[in-house]
C-alpha atoms as a PDB file:
ATOM      1  CA  MET A   1      -1.253 -15.933  15.414  1.00  0.00           C
ATOM      2  CA  LYS A   2      -2.715 -16.639  12.016  1.00  0.00           C
ATOM      3  CA  SER A   3      -0.601 -18.779   9.733  1.00  0.00           C
ATOM      4  CA  VAL A   4       0.019 -17.962   6.055  1.00  0.00           C
ATOM      5  CA  SER A   5      -0.146 -21.507   5.124  1.00  0.00           C
ATOM      6  CA  THR A   6      -3.527 -22.048   6.630  1.00  0.00           C
ATOM      7  CA  SER A   7      -4.753 -18.849   5.004  1.00  0.00           C
ATOM      8  CA  PHE A   8      -3.479 -20.313   1.661  1.00  0.00           C
ATOM      9  CA  TRP A   9      -5.134 -23.677   2.188  1.00  0.00           C
ATOM     10  CA  LEU A  10      -8.435 -21.803   3.124  1.00  0.00           C
ATOM     11  CA  TRP A  11      -8.052 -19.871  -0.096  1.00  0.00           C
ATOM     12  CA  LEU A  12      -7.918 -23.033  -2.184  1.00  0.00           C
ATOM     13  CA  LEU A  13     -11.426 -23.848  -1.080  1.00  0.00           C
ATOM     14  CA  CYS A  14     -12.662 -21.423  -3.789  1.00  0.00           C
ATOM     15  CA  ILE A  15     -12.045 -24.414  -6.070  1.00  0.00           C
ATOM     16  CA  PHE A  16     -15.217 -26.112  -4.429  1.00  0.00           C
ATOM     17  CA  GLY A  17     -17.066 -22.886  -4.463  1.00  0.00           C
ATOM     18  CA  PHE A  18     -16.324 -21.697  -0.968  1.00  0.00           C
ATOM     19  CA  CYS A  19     -14.710 -18.396  -1.920  1.00  0.00           C
ATOM     20  CA  GLY A  20     -13.565 -15.980   0.993  1.00  0.00           C
ATOM     21  CA  ILE A  21     -13.205 -18.559   3.740  1.00  0.00           C
ATOM     22  CA  HIS A  22      -9.712 -17.346   4.176  1.00  0.00           C
ATOM     23  CA  ARG A  23     -10.993 -13.841   4.961  1.00  0.00           C
ATOM     24  CA  PHE A  24     -13.174 -15.172   7.734  1.00  0.00           C
ATOM     25  CA  TYR A  25     -10.167 -16.895   9.159  1.00  0.00           C
ATOM     26  CA  LEU A  26      -8.247 -13.656   9.177  1.00  0.00           C
ATOM     27  CA  GLY A  27     -11.098 -11.661  10.823  1.00  0.00           C
ATOM     28  CA  PHE A  28     -12.390  -9.854   7.793  1.00  0.00           C
ATOM     29  CA  ILE A  29     -15.994 -10.811   8.301  1.00  0.00           C
ATOM     30  CA  TRP A  30     -17.673  -8.262   6.045  1.00  0.00           C
ATOM     31  CA  THR A  31     -15.445  -8.731   2.981  1.00  0.00           C
ATOM     32  CA  GLY A  32     -15.676 -12.575   3.713  1.00  0.00           C
ATOM     33  CA  LEU A  33     -19.204 -12.284   3.288  1.00  0.00           C
ATOM     34  CA  LEU A  34     -18.886 -10.242   0.118  1.00  0.00           C
ATOM     35  CA  TRP A  35     -16.442 -12.882  -1.362  1.00  0.00           C
ATOM     36  CA  LEU A  36     -18.708 -15.776  -0.362  1.00  0.00           C
ATOM     37  CA  PHE A  37     -21.884 -14.268  -1.936  1.00  0.00           C
ATOM     38  CA  THR A  38     -20.111 -13.094  -5.228  1.00  0.00           C
ATOM     39  CA  PHE A  39     -17.806 -15.893  -5.740  1.00  0.00           C
ATOM     40  CA  GLY A  40     -14.819 -13.892  -4.917  1.00  0.00           C
ATOM     41  CA  LEU A  41     -15.862 -10.960  -6.732  1.00  0.00           C
ATOM     42  CA  LEU A  42     -16.447 -13.179  -9.853  1.00  0.00           C
ATOM     43  CA  GLY A  43     -12.928 -14.673  -9.155  1.00  0.00           C
ATOM     44  CA  ILE A  44     -11.024 -11.403  -9.764  1.00  0.00           C
ATOM     45  CA  GLY A  45     -10.798 -10.597  -6.020  1.00  0.00           C
ATOM     46  CA  GLN A  46      -9.933 -14.139  -5.103  1.00  0.00           C
ATOM     47  CA  LEU A  47      -7.018 -13.981  -7.671  1.00  0.00           C
ATOM     48  CA  ILE A  48      -5.888 -10.706  -6.150  1.00  0.00           C
ATOM     49  CA  ASP A  49      -5.990 -12.258  -2.792  1.00  0.00           C
ATOM     50  CA  LEU A  50      -3.526 -14.980  -3.782  1.00  0.00           C
ATOM     51  CA  PHE A  51      -0.934 -12.202  -4.128  1.00  0.00           C
ATOM     52  CA  ARG A  52      -1.997 -10.212  -1.017  1.00  0.00           C
ATOM     53  CA  LEU A  53      -2.465 -13.233   1.113  1.00  0.00           C
ATOM     54  CA  ARG A  54       0.838 -12.954   3.061  1.00  0.00           C
ATOM     55  CA  GLY A  55       0.207  -9.083   3.698  1.00  0.00           C
ATOM     56  CA  LEU A  56      -3.398  -9.779   4.803  1.00  0.00           C
ATOM     57  CA  THR A  57      -2.160 -12.288   7.163  1.00  0.00           C
ATOM     58  CA  THR A  58       0.420  -9.997   8.545  1.00  0.00           C
ATOM     59  CA  MET A  59      -2.124  -7.092   8.893  1.00  0.00           C
ATOM     60  CA  SER A  60      -4.494  -9.441  10.834  1.00  0.00           C
ATOM     61  CA  ASN A  61      -1.773 -10.540  13.174  1.00  0.00           C
ATOM     62  CA  MET A  62      -0.763  -6.930  13.840  1.00  0.00           C
ATOM     63  CA  GLU A  63      -4.459  -5.876  14.593  1.00  0.00           C
ATOM     64  CA  ARG A  64      -4.654  -8.652  17.045  1.00  0.00           C
ATOM     65  CA  GLN A  65      -1.520  -7.605  18.852  1.00  0.00           C
ATOM     66  CA  LEU A  66      -2.805  -4.048  18.947  1.00  0.00           C
ATOM     67  CA  GLU A  67      -6.156  -5.368  20.415  1.00  0.00           C
ATOM     68  CA  ARG A  68      -4.289  -7.265  23.093  1.00  0.00           C
ATOM     69  CA  ARG A  69      -2.131  -4.222  24.238  1.00  0.00           C
ATOM     70  CA  SER A  70      -5.095  -1.919  24.397  1.00  0.00           C
ATOM     71  CA  PHE A  71      -6.791  -4.144  27.178  1.00  0.00           C
END
């Protein structure tokens, strides 16, 4: 299970220029790359993710549970 607090701390790495690391942690690789190379969509996407972080974490956890059940 992914943690909201860990996602938030990874989100804070944008202060040091590492935008999108929280998306890699949650399993959203393609958008993580997009955020990383565009500095979080010029900061706008990074700011939006601050408010969506709890929902993104919940969605990631639900997808993992569904993957486990399908095997």
